[in-house]
Amino acid sequence: YKRKSTIGVSYSLFALVMLGNLLYGLSVLLKNPEPGQSEGDYVLHHLPWLVGSLGVLSLDVVISFQFLAYRRGRPGTREERDALLGEQG
């Protein structure tokens, strides 16, 4: 955030992770409940998996927005090469 750069971030990898999380979340939501089990009980039982996949998907979307916002950064500037914490001593 401080450098306003996404250099070194593989957006292809994020796209694949987002696709995987989306498909997994949809597979849980679209599966029919067991006979005798209500849809509410099914969703409640699978809530941790849904939060895990769809929750991480929402964080991946934030990373995607950052990637789009900072894609026109200035690679090779002095600020990009400087350490974030500065020099010690």
C-alpha atoms as a PDB file:
ATOM      1  CA  TYR A   1       0.000   0.000   0.000  1.00  0.00           C
ATOM      2  CA  LYS A   2       2.775   2.401   0.903  1.00  0.00           C
ATOM      3  CA  ARG A   3       4.600   1.847  -2.377  1.00  0.00           C
ATOM      4  CA  LYS A   4       1.360   1.790  -4.414  1.00  0.00           C
ATOM      5  CA  SER A   5       2.751  -1.123  -6.409  1.00  0.00           C
ATOM      6  CA  THR A   6       1.803  -4.716  -7.174  1.00  0.00           C
ATOM      7  CA  ILE A   7       5.102  -5.681  -8.745  1.00  0.00           C
ATOM      8  CA  GLY A   8       5.858  -9.288  -7.900  1.00  0.00           C
ATOM      9  CA  VAL A   9       2.212 -10.266  -7.478  1.00  0.00           C
ATOM     10  CA  SER A  10       0.974 -12.892  -9.903  1.00  0.00           C
ATOM     11  CA  TYR A  11      -2.548 -11.924 -10.873  1.00  0.00           C
ATOM     12  CA  SER A  12      -2.953 -15.203 -12.769  1.00  0.00           C
ATOM     13  CA  LEU A  13      -2.482 -17.058  -9.498  1.00  0.00           C
ATOM     14  CA  PHE A  14      -5.084 -14.880  -7.767  1.00  0.00           C
ATOM     15  CA  ALA A  15      -7.505 -15.468 -10.648  1.00  0.00           C
ATOM     16  CA  LEU A  16      -7.107 -19.240 -10.285  1.00  0.00           C
ATOM     17  CA  VAL A  17      -7.544 -19.048  -6.510  1.00  0.00           C
ATOM     18  CA  MET A  18     -10.668 -16.931  -6.941  1.00  0.00           C
ATOM     19  CA  LEU A  19     -12.079 -19.413  -9.446  1.00  0.00           C
ATOM     20  CA  GLY A  20     -11.357 -22.330  -7.120  1.00  0.00           C
ATOM     21  CA  ASN A  21     -12.977 -20.639  -4.120  1.00  0.00           C
ATOM     22  CA  LEU A  22     -15.995 -19.609  -6.165  1.00  0.00           C
ATOM     23  CA  LEU A  23     -16.525 -23.085  -7.589  1.00  0.00           C
ATOM     24  CA  TYR A  24     -16.084 -24.757  -4.203  1.00  0.00           C
ATOM     25  CA  GLY A  25     -18.555 -22.380  -2.544  1.00  0.00           C
ATOM     26  CA  LEU A  26     -21.059 -22.932  -5.340  1.00  0.00           C
ATOM     27  CA  SER A  27     -20.654 -26.699  -5.106  1.00  0.00           C
ATOM     28  CA  VAL A  28     -21.556 -26.567  -1.422  1.00  0.00           C
ATOM     29  CA  LEU A  29     -24.524 -24.279  -2.042  1.00  0.00           C
ATOM     30  CA  LEU A  30     -25.893 -26.160  -5.043  1.00  0.00           C
ATOM     31  CA  LYS A  31     -25.671 -29.665  -3.576  1.00  0.00           C
ATOM     32  CA  ASN A  32     -28.998 -31.149  -2.511  1.00  0.00           C
ATOM     33  CA  PRO A  33     -29.370 -31.862   1.212  1.00  0.00           C
ATOM     34  CA  GLU A  34     -29.603 -35.434   2.440  1.00  0.00           C
ATOM     35  CA  PRO A  35     -33.130 -36.901   2.566  1.00  0.00           C
ATOM     36  CA  GLY A  36     -34.859 -35.671   5.711  1.00  0.00           C
ATOM     37  CA  GLN A  37     -32.441 -32.754   6.178  1.00  0.00           C
ATOM     38  CA  SER A  38     -33.768 -29.228   5.711  1.00  0.00           C
ATOM     39  CA  GLU A  39     -31.922 -26.718   3.552  1.00  0.00           C
ATOM     40  CA  GLY A  40     -31.346 -24.480   6.579  1.00  0.00           C
ATOM     41  CA  ASP A  41     -29.717 -27.307   8.537  1.00  0.00           C
ATOM     42  CA  TYR A  42     -27.586 -28.183   5.528  1.00  0.00           C
ATOM     43  CA  VAL A  43     -26.309 -24.608   5.117  1.00  0.00           C
ATOM     44  CA  LEU A  44     -25.741 -24.263   8.861  1.00  0.00           C
ATOM     45  CA  HIS A  45     -23.763 -27.521   8.917  1.00  0.00           C
ATOM     46  CA  HIS A  46     -21.598 -26.377   5.989  1.00  0.00           C
ATOM     47  CA  LEU A  47     -21.223 -22.775   7.162  1.00  0.00           C
ATOM     48  CA  PRO A  48     -17.516 -23.106   8.101  1.00  0.00           C
ATOM     49  CA  TRP A  49     -16.688 -24.305   4.580  1.00  0.00           C
ATOM     50  CA  LEU A  50     -18.754 -21.534   3.046  1.00  0.00           C
ATOM     51  CA  VAL A  51     -17.068 -18.863   5.149  1.00  0.00           C
ATOM     52  CA  GLY A  52     -13.703 -20.381   4.301  1.00  0.00           C
ATOM     53  CA  SER A  53     -14.242 -20.338   0.566  1.00  0.00           C
ATOM     54  CA  LEU A  54     -16.517 -17.347   0.001  1.00  0.00           C
ATOM     55  CA  GLY A  55     -14.882 -15.278   2.771  1.00  0.00           C
ATOM     56  CA  VAL A  56     -11.450 -15.726   1.221  1.00  0.00           C
ATOM     57  CA  LEU A  57     -12.997 -14.947  -2.161  1.00  0.00           C
ATOM     58  CA  SER A  58     -14.037 -11.534  -0.835  1.00  0.00           C
ATOM     59  CA  LEU A  59     -10.437 -10.865   0.269  1.00  0.00           C
ATOM     60  CA  ASP A  60      -9.207 -11.957  -3.165  1.00  0.00           C
ATOM     61  CA  VAL A  61     -11.544  -9.398  -4.734  1.00  0.00           C
ATOM     62  CA  VAL A  62      -9.919  -6.682  -2.584  1.00  0.00           C
ATOM     63  CA  ILE A  63      -6.489  -7.791  -3.852  1.00  0.00           C
ATOM     64  CA  SER A  64      -7.853  -7.652  -7.404  1.00  0.00           C
ATOM     65  CA  PHE A  65      -9.010  -4.057  -6.932  1.00  0.00           C
ATOM     66  CA  GLN A  66      -5.583  -3.138  -5.597  1.00  0.00           C
ATOM     67  CA  PHE A  67      -3.960  -4.823  -8.565  1.00  0.00           C
ATOM     68  CA  LEU A  68      -6.127  -2.803 -10.956  1.00  0.00           C
ATOM     69  CA  ALA A  69      -5.597   0.448  -9.051  1.00  0.00           C
ATOM     70  CA  TYR A  70      -1.802   0.128  -8.870  1.00  0.00           C
ATOM     71  CA  ARG A  71      -1.099  -1.451 -12.255  1.00  0.00           C
ATOM     72  CA  ARG A  72       0.109   1.854 -13.662  1.00  0.00           C
ATOM     73  CA  GLY A  73       2.767   2.228 -10.993  1.00  0.00           C
ATOM     74  CA  ARG A  74       6.216   3.533 -11.712  1.00  0.00           C
ATOM     75  CA  PRO A  75       8.483   0.469 -11.737  1.00  0.00           C
ATOM     76  CA  GLY A  76      12.118   1.120 -11.105  1.00  0.00           C
ATOM     77  CA  THR A  77      11.695   4.302  -9.087  1.00  0.00           C
ATOM     78  CA  ARG A  78      13.941   4.897  -6.109  1.00  0.00           C
ATOM     79  CA  GLU A  79      11.028   4.512  -3.692  1.00  0.00           C
ATOM     80  CA  GLU A  80      10.354   1.022  -5.035  1.00  0.00           C
ATOM     81  CA  ARG A  81      13.909  -0.075  -4.226  1.00  0.00           C
ATOM     82  CA  ASP A  82      14.057   1.455  -0.742  1.00  0.00           C
ATOM     83  CA  ALA A  83      13.425  -0.733   2.296  1.00  0.00           C
ATOM     84  CA  LEU A  84      10.079  -0.240   3.992  1.00  0.00           C
ATOM     85  CA  LEU A  85      11.561  -0.112   7.498  1.00  0.00           C
ATOM     86  CA  GLY A  86      14.608   1.983   6.672  1.00  0.00           C
ATOM     87  CA  GLU A  87      18.150   1.208   7.671  1.00  0.00           C
ATOM     88  CA  GLN A  88      19.044   0.208  11.217  1.00  0.00           C
ATOM     89  CA  GLY A  89      22.045   1.781  12.948  1.00  0.00           C
END
